[in-house]
Protein backbone atom coordinates (compact mmCIF):
# COMPACT_ATOMS: atom_id res chain seq x y z
CA UNK A 1 0.00 0.00 0.00
CA UNK A 2 1.49 3.39 -0.96
CA UNK A 3 2.08 5.92 1.77
CA UNK A 4 0.03 9.10 1.82
CA UNK A 5 1.63 12.53 1.88
CA UNK A 6 0.57 14.92 4.64
CA UNK A 7 2.00 18.42 5.11
CA UNK A 8 1.90 19.87 8.63
CA UNK A 9 2.60 23.49 9.58
CA UNK A 10 3.42 24.73 13.09
CA UNK A 11 2.32 28.36 13.29
CA UNK A 12 3.45 30.55 16.21
CA UNK A 13 0.73 32.98 17.24
CA UNK A 14 2.63 34.70 20.04
CA UNK A 15 3.64 37.70 17.95
CA UNK A 16 1.19 39.31 15.55
CA UNK A 17 2.80 40.08 12.21
CA UNK A 18 0.43 42.05 9.98
CA UNK A 19 2.63 41.38 6.96
CA UNK A 20 2.70 37.61 7.56
CA UNK A 21 -1.00 37.25 8.38
CA UNK A 22 -2.90 40.11 6.70
CA UNK A 23 -6.53 40.51 7.79
CA UNK A 24 -7.36 41.17 4.13
CA UNK A 25 -7.03 37.43 3.47
CA UNK A 26 -10.01 36.73 5.76
CA UNK A 27 -13.58 36.42 4.55
CA UNK A 28 -16.20 38.83 5.90
CA UNK A 29 -17.59 35.96 7.99
CA UNK A 30 -14.18 35.27 9.54
CA UNK A 31 -13.73 38.96 10.36
CA UNK A 32 -17.16 39.01 12.01
CA UNK A 33 -16.33 35.90 14.06
CA UNK A 34 -13.06 37.51 15.19
CA UNK A 35 -14.88 40.69 16.16
CA UNK A 36 -17.19 38.67 18.42
CA UNK A 37 -14.36 37.56 20.74
CA UNK A 38 -14.41 39.25 24.14
CA UNK A 39 -10.62 39.58 24.40
CA UNK A 40 -8.47 41.08 21.66
CA UNK A 41 -5.76 38.45 22.21
CA UNK A 42 -8.22 35.68 21.34
CA UNK A 43 -9.48 37.60 18.31
CA UNK A 44 -5.91 38.11 17.10
CA UNK A 45 -5.11 34.40 17.45
CA UNK A 46 -8.27 33.53 15.52
CA UNK A 47 -7.46 36.05 12.75
CA UNK A 48 -3.82 34.98 12.49
CA UNK A 49 -4.55 31.24 12.46
CA UNK A 50 -7.28 31.59 9.83
CA UNK A 51 -5.18 33.94 7.69
CA UNK A 52 -2.30 31.43 7.87
CA UNK A 53 -4.69 28.62 6.90
CA UNK A 54 -5.84 30.57 3.85
CA UNK A 55 -2.25 31.31 2.81
CA UNK A 56 -1.34 27.62 3.15
CA UNK A 57 -4.39 26.46 1.20
CA UNK A 58 -3.51 28.85 -1.63
CA UNK A 59 -0.48 26.62 -2.27
CA UNK A 60 -2.90 23.77 -2.97
CA UNK A 61 -5.19 25.82 -5.20
CA UNK A 62 -7.92 26.53 -2.66
CA UNK A 63 -10.33 28.17 -2.76
CA UNK A 64 -10.12 27.93 -6.54
CA UNK A 65 -9.40 24.23 -7.03
CA UNK A 66 -9.99 23.05 -10.56
CA UNK A 67 -10.37 19.45 -11.58
CA UNK A 68 -11.19 16.61 -9.25
CA UNK A 69 -8.21 16.57 -6.90
CA UNK A 70 -9.58 16.84 -3.36
CA UNK A 71 -7.72 18.79 -0.71
CA UNK A 72 -8.26 17.71 2.88
CA UNK A 73 -7.21 20.03 5.69
CA UNK A 74 -7.60 20.62 9.39
CA UNK A 75 -6.77 23.53 11.69
CA UNK A 76 -6.22 23.26 15.43
CA UNK A 77 -4.98 25.94 17.78
CA UNK A 78 -4.23 26.30 21.46
CA UNK A 79 -2.83 29.35 23.18
CA UNK A 80 0.02 30.71 21.04
CA UNK A 81 0.32 27.83 18.54
CA UNK A 82 -1.72 26.65 15.58
CA UNK A 83 -1.23 23.48 13.56
CA UNK A 84 -2.47 22.98 10.02
CA UNK A 85 -2.47 19.59 8.30
CA UNK A 86 -3.10 19.29 4.54
CA UNK A 87 -3.23 16.28 2.24
CA UNK A 88 -4.38 15.57 -1.30
CA UNK A 89 -4.41 11.84 -0.54
CA UNK A 90 -6.28 11.23 2.70
CA UNK A 91 -8.53 12.98 5.19
CA UNK A 92 -6.52 14.57 7.98
CA UNK A 93 -7.12 15.74 11.50
CA UNK A 94 -5.05 17.51 14.08
CA UNK A 95 -5.77 16.43 17.64
CA UNK A 96 -5.49 18.37 20.84
CA UNK A 97 -2.27 20.34 21.20
CA UNK A 98 -0.30 19.79 24.35
CA UNK A 99 2.97 21.23 25.53
CA UNK A 100 5.84 18.77 25.29
C-alpha atoms as a PDB file:
ATOM      1  CA  UNK A   1       0.000   0.000   0.000  1.00  0.00           C
ATOM      2  CA  UNK A   2       1.494   3.391  -0.963  1.00  0.00           C
ATOM      3  CA  UNK A   3       2.080   5.921   1.772  1.00  0.00           C
ATOM      4  CA  UNK A   4       0.034   9.097   1.820  1.00  0.00           C
ATOM      5  CA  UNK A   5       1.631  12.526   1.884  1.00  0.00           C
ATOM      6  CA  UNK A   6       0.574  14.922   4.641  1.00  0.00           C
ATOM      7  CA  UNK A   7       1.997  18.416   5.113  1.00  0.00           C
ATOM      8  CA  UNK A   8       1.900  19.874   8.631  1.00  0.00           C
ATOM      9  CA  UNK A   9       2.600  23.493   9.578  1.00  0.00           C
ATOM     10  CA  UNK A  10       3.420  24.733  13.089  1.00  0.00           C
ATOM     11  CA  UNK A  11       2.319  28.365  13.290  1.00  0.00           C
ATOM     12  CA  UNK A  12       3.451  30.547  16.215  1.00  0.00           C
ATOM     13  CA  UNK A  13       0.726  32.979  17.244  1.00  0.00           C
ATOM     14  CA  UNK A  14       2.633  34.698  20.037  1.00  0.00           C
ATOM     15  CA  UNK A  15       3.638  37.702  17.955  1.00  0.00           C
ATOM     16  CA  UNK A  16       1.185  39.313  15.554  1.00  0.00           C
ATOM     17  CA  UNK A  17       2.801  40.078  12.211  1.00  0.00           C
ATOM     18  CA  UNK A  18       0.433  42.055   9.985  1.00  0.00           C
ATOM     19  CA  UNK A  19       2.629  41.378   6.964  1.00  0.00           C
ATOM     20  CA  UNK A  20       2.704  37.610   7.557  1.00  0.00           C
ATOM     21  CA  UNK A  21      -1.005  37.246   8.379  1.00  0.00           C
ATOM     22  CA  UNK A  22      -2.901  40.113   6.704  1.00  0.00           C
ATOM     23  CA  UNK A  23      -6.527  40.507   7.785  1.00  0.00           C
ATOM     24  CA  UNK A  24      -7.362  41.174   4.133  1.00  0.00           C
ATOM     25  CA  UNK A  25      -7.027  37.429   3.474  1.00  0.00           C
ATOM     26  CA  UNK A  26     -10.008  36.730   5.764  1.00  0.00           C
ATOM     27  CA  UNK A  27     -13.584  36.424   4.555  1.00  0.00           C
ATOM     28  CA  UNK A  28     -16.204  38.832   5.901  1.00  0.00           C
ATOM     29  CA  UNK A  29     -17.594  35.955   7.992  1.00  0.00           C
ATOM     30  CA  UNK A  30     -14.181  35.273   9.543  1.00  0.00           C
ATOM     31  CA  UNK A  31     -13.727  38.965  10.360  1.00  0.00           C
ATOM     32  CA  UNK A  32     -17.160  39.014  12.009  1.00  0.00           C
ATOM     33  CA  UNK A  33     -16.332  35.903  14.057  1.00  0.00           C
ATOM     34  CA  UNK A  34     -13.057  37.507  15.187  1.00  0.00           C
ATOM     35  CA  UNK A  35     -14.877  40.688  16.162  1.00  0.00           C
ATOM     36  CA  UNK A  36     -17.188  38.669  18.423  1.00  0.00           C
ATOM     37  CA  UNK A  37     -14.365  37.565  20.741  1.00  0.00           C
ATOM     38  CA  UNK A  38     -14.410  39.255  24.136  1.00  0.00           C
ATOM     39  CA  UNK A  39     -10.617  39.583  24.404  1.00  0.00           C
ATOM     40  CA  UNK A  40      -8.472  41.080  21.655  1.00  0.00           C
ATOM     41  CA  UNK A  41      -5.756  38.455  22.205  1.00  0.00           C
ATOM     42  CA  UNK A  42      -8.217  35.678  21.337  1.00  0.00           C
ATOM     43  CA  UNK A  43      -9.485  37.602  18.311  1.00  0.00           C
ATOM     44  CA  UNK A  44      -5.908  38.110  17.104  1.00  0.00           C
ATOM     45  CA  UNK A  45      -5.110  34.405  17.445  1.00  0.00           C
ATOM     46  CA  UNK A  46      -8.266  33.530  15.520  1.00  0.00           C
ATOM     47  CA  UNK A  47      -7.462  36.045  12.753  1.00  0.00           C
ATOM     48  CA  UNK A  48      -3.820  34.975  12.492  1.00  0.00           C
ATOM     49  CA  UNK A  49      -4.546  31.236  12.459  1.00  0.00           C
ATOM     50  CA  UNK A  50      -7.278  31.586   9.829  1.00  0.00           C
ATOM     51  CA  UNK A  51      -5.184  33.944   7.686  1.00  0.00           C
ATOM     52  CA  UNK A  52      -2.305  31.435   7.869  1.00  0.00           C
ATOM     53  CA  UNK A  53      -4.693  28.617   6.897  1.00  0.00           C
ATOM     54  CA  UNK A  54      -5.843  30.567   3.846  1.00  0.00           C
ATOM     55  CA  UNK A  55      -2.247  31.309   2.807  1.00  0.00           C
ATOM     56  CA  UNK A  56      -1.344  27.622   3.153  1.00  0.00           C
ATOM     57  CA  UNK A  57      -4.393  26.459   1.202  1.00  0.00           C
ATOM     58  CA  UNK A  58      -3.509  28.851  -1.632  1.00  0.00           C
ATOM     59  CA  UNK A  59      -0.485  26.624  -2.267  1.00  0.00           C
ATOM     60  CA  UNK A  60      -2.905  23.768  -2.973  1.00  0.00           C
ATOM     61  CA  UNK A  61      -5.192  25.824  -5.200  1.00  0.00           C
ATOM     62  CA  UNK A  62      -7.925  26.530  -2.657  1.00  0.00           C
ATOM     63  CA  UNK A  63     -10.325  28.167  -2.760  1.00  0.00           C
ATOM     64  CA  UNK A  64     -10.124  27.927  -6.542  1.00  0.00           C
ATOM     65  CA  UNK A  65      -9.402  24.232  -7.028  1.00  0.00           C
ATOM     66  CA  UNK A  66      -9.988  23.046 -10.557  1.00  0.00           C
ATOM     67  CA  UNK A  67     -10.366  19.449 -11.582  1.00  0.00           C
ATOM     68  CA  UNK A  68     -11.194  16.607  -9.253  1.00  0.00           C
ATOM     69  CA  UNK A  69      -8.207  16.570  -6.895  1.00  0.00           C
ATOM     70  CA  UNK A  70      -9.578  16.843  -3.355  1.00  0.00           C
ATOM     71  CA  UNK A  71      -7.717  18.788  -0.711  1.00  0.00           C
ATOM     72  CA  UNK A  72      -8.258  17.710   2.879  1.00  0.00           C
ATOM     73  CA  UNK A  73      -7.206  20.028   5.692  1.00  0.00           C
ATOM     74  CA  UNK A  74      -7.604  20.618   9.390  1.00  0.00           C
ATOM     75  CA  UNK A  75      -6.767  23.526  11.692  1.00  0.00           C
ATOM     76  CA  UNK A  76      -6.224  23.258  15.431  1.00  0.00           C
ATOM     77  CA  UNK A  77      -4.980  25.939  17.782  1.00  0.00           C
ATOM     78  CA  UNK A  78      -4.228  26.302  21.462  1.00  0.00           C
ATOM     79  CA  UNK A  79      -2.835  29.352  23.182  1.00  0.00           C
ATOM     80  CA  UNK A  80       0.020  30.705  21.041  1.00  0.00           C
ATOM     81  CA  UNK A  81       0.317  27.830  18.541  1.00  0.00           C
ATOM     82  CA  UNK A  82      -1.719  26.652  15.576  1.00  0.00           C
ATOM     83  CA  UNK A  83      -1.233  23.475  13.558  1.00  0.00           C
ATOM     84  CA  UNK A  84      -2.471  22.977  10.016  1.00  0.00           C
ATOM     85  CA  UNK A  85      -2.466  19.588   8.299  1.00  0.00           C
ATOM     86  CA  UNK A  86      -3.104  19.289   4.541  1.00  0.00           C
ATOM     87  CA  UNK A  87      -3.230  16.277   2.237  1.00  0.00           C
ATOM     88  CA  UNK A  88      -4.384  15.567  -1.300  1.00  0.00           C
ATOM     89  CA  UNK A  89      -4.407  11.837  -0.538  1.00  0.00           C
ATOM     90  CA  UNK A  90      -6.285  11.230   2.703  1.00  0.00           C
ATOM     91  CA  UNK A  91      -8.530  12.984   5.187  1.00  0.00           C
ATOM     92  CA  UNK A  92      -6.517  14.569   7.984  1.00  0.00           C
ATOM     93  CA  UNK A  93      -7.123  15.736  11.499  1.00  0.00           C
ATOM     94  CA  UNK A  94      -5.051  17.513  14.083  1.00  0.00           C
ATOM     95  CA  UNK A  95      -5.768  16.429  17.640  1.00  0.00           C
ATOM     96  CA  UNK A  96      -5.485  18.370  20.835  1.00  0.00           C
ATOM     97  CA  UNK A  97      -2.274  20.340  21.200  1.00  0.00           C
ATOM     98  CA  UNK A  98      -0.296  19.789  24.352  1.00  0.00           C
ATOM     99  CA  UNK A  99       2.967  21.230  25.530  1.00  0.00           C
ATOM    100  CA  UNK A 100       5.840  18.765  25.288  1.00  0.00           C
END
